[in-house]
Amino acid sequence: MGDLPRPPAIHQEFVNRYQKLGQAWELIAKQGAEGPLDATTSRLVKLGIAIGAMREGAVHSCTRKALAQDITPEALEQVVALAAGTLGMPATVAAYTWVRDVTHPE
C-alpha cells in the first residue's frame, strides 16, 4: 500500500491558521480508525458517506486516498453504483463524475 497523498496546500494553510481545529480533525480521524473494519472497508465507507452527503471535495479526497491504498477504480465505481437507489440518477451521475475526475483525469 502506498503513502496517502498530501492534502491540498489550502488545507495545510487552514490548519496552520486554526491549529486547534486541525488537532480536533486529527483526533476525529484517529477515533474513526479504531474498530473492526479494515483500511479498505473504512475507505469505501468514507467514500459512500461523501457521496451521500454530496461533498465533491470529499469524494475527490477519498478517491485519491483509495487509489493510494491500491483500491481499484472499479471498486470505487461500484460504491457510486450502490448509491443510485438512494440518491437517484442525477446525484449519482454527479458523484460518478467526481470519482472519474481523479481516476481518469484528462
Protein backbone atom coordinates (compact mmCIF):
# COMPACT_ATOMS: atom_id res chain seq x y z
CA MET A 1 0.00 0.00 0.00
CA GLY A 2 1.36 3.40 -0.96
CA ASP A 3 1.57 6.51 1.17
CA LEU A 4 -1.58 8.56 1.35
CA PRO A 5 -1.47 11.70 -0.78
CA ARG A 6 -0.79 15.01 0.91
CA PRO A 7 -3.80 17.23 1.44
CA PRO A 8 -4.08 20.28 -0.81
CA ALA A 9 -1.95 23.27 0.24
CA ILE A 10 -5.05 25.21 1.31
CA HIS A 11 -5.77 22.50 3.90
CA GLN A 12 -2.33 22.99 5.46
CA GLU A 13 -2.79 26.75 5.37
CA PHE A 14 -6.11 26.38 7.19
CA VAL A 15 -4.80 24.05 9.92
CA ASN A 16 -1.78 26.32 10.42
CA ARG A 17 -4.17 29.25 10.90
CA TYR A 18 -6.63 27.29 13.07
CA GLN A 19 -4.39 24.83 14.90
CA LYS A 20 -6.98 23.62 17.41
CA LEU A 21 -9.36 22.74 14.58
CA GLY A 22 -6.52 20.84 12.89
CA GLN A 23 -5.84 18.94 16.11
CA ALA A 24 -9.54 18.16 16.52
CA TRP A 25 -9.67 16.89 12.94
CA GLU A 26 -6.75 14.54 13.63
CA LEU A 27 -8.48 13.22 16.77
CA ILE A 28 -11.68 12.59 14.81
CA ALA A 29 -9.71 10.62 12.21
CA LYS A 30 -7.89 8.58 14.85
CA GLN A 31 -11.09 7.72 16.70
CA GLY A 32 -12.85 6.73 13.49
CA ALA A 33 -9.99 4.39 12.58
CA GLU A 34 -10.42 2.39 15.78
CA GLY A 35 -12.60 -0.64 15.35
CA PRO A 36 -13.00 -3.88 13.44
CA LEU A 37 -13.13 -2.50 9.88
CA ASP A 38 -10.02 -2.94 7.78
CA ALA A 39 -8.47 0.01 5.94
CA THR A 40 -10.08 -0.84 2.59
CA THR A 41 -13.57 -1.19 4.03
CA SER A 42 -13.14 2.01 6.02
CA ARG A 43 -12.05 3.93 2.92
CA LEU A 44 -15.01 2.63 0.87
CA VAL A 45 -17.44 3.51 3.67
CA LYS A 46 -15.98 7.02 3.86
CA LEU A 47 -16.38 7.34 0.09
CA GLY A 48 -20.01 6.25 0.37
CA ILE A 49 -20.65 8.84 3.08
CA ALA A 50 -19.00 11.57 0.99
CA ILE A 51 -21.16 10.57 -1.97
CA GLY A 52 -24.32 10.52 0.12
CA ALA A 53 -23.51 13.93 1.55
CA MET A 54 -22.84 15.21 -1.99
CA ARG A 55 -19.44 16.60 -0.98
CA GLU A 56 -17.42 16.88 -4.18
CA GLY A 57 -14.15 17.73 -2.43
CA ALA A 58 -14.52 14.83 -0.03
CA VAL A 59 -15.26 12.45 -2.91
CA HIS A 60 -12.11 13.66 -4.68
CA SER A 61 -10.08 13.23 -1.48
CA CYS A 62 -11.47 9.77 -0.71
CA THR A 63 -10.82 8.70 -4.28
CA ARG A 64 -7.20 9.89 -4.18
CA LYS A 65 -6.64 8.14 -0.87
CA ALA A 66 -8.32 4.96 -2.09
CA LEU A 67 -6.09 4.80 -5.17
CA ALA A 68 -3.04 5.27 -2.92
CA GLN A 69 -4.30 2.27 -0.92
CA ASP A 70 -4.41 0.22 -4.15
CA ILE A 71 -8.21 0.15 -4.22
CA THR A 72 -9.26 -0.27 -7.84
CA PRO A 73 -11.25 2.30 -9.79
CA GLU A 74 -13.83 -0.46 -10.39
CA ALA A 75 -14.39 -0.83 -6.63
CA LEU A 76 -14.83 2.93 -6.30
CA GLU A 77 -17.31 2.97 -9.17
CA GLN A 78 -19.26 0.15 -7.51
CA VAL A 79 -19.67 2.36 -4.44
CA VAL A 80 -21.12 5.03 -6.74
CA ALA A 81 -23.48 2.50 -8.30
CA LEU A 82 -24.64 1.36 -4.86
CA ALA A 83 -25.66 4.95 -4.11
CA ALA A 84 -28.06 5.13 -7.06
CA GLY A 85 -31.05 3.61 -5.29
CA THR A 86 -30.83 6.16 -2.50
CA LEU A 87 -29.60 9.26 -4.34
CA GLY A 88 -31.33 8.94 -7.69
CA MET A 89 -29.74 9.26 -11.11
CA PRO A 90 -28.75 12.95 -11.30
CA ALA A 91 -26.87 12.88 -7.98
CA THR A 92 -25.32 9.51 -8.76
CA VAL A 93 -24.07 10.69 -12.14
CA ALA A 94 -22.60 13.76 -10.42
CA ALA A 95 -20.78 11.52 -7.92
CA TYR A 96 -19.58 9.32 -10.77
CA THR A 97 -18.03 12.35 -12.46
CA TRP A 98 -16.28 13.30 -9.21
CA VAL A 99 -14.71 9.85 -8.91
CA ARG A 100 -13.75 9.92 -12.59
CA ASP A 101 -12.16 13.37 -12.13
CA VAL A 102 -9.49 11.56 -10.11
CA THR A 103 -9.42 8.08 -11.69
CA HIS A 104 -9.43 9.34 -15.28
CA PRO A 105 -8.03 12.88 -15.34
CA GLU A 106 -7.91 14.47 -18.76
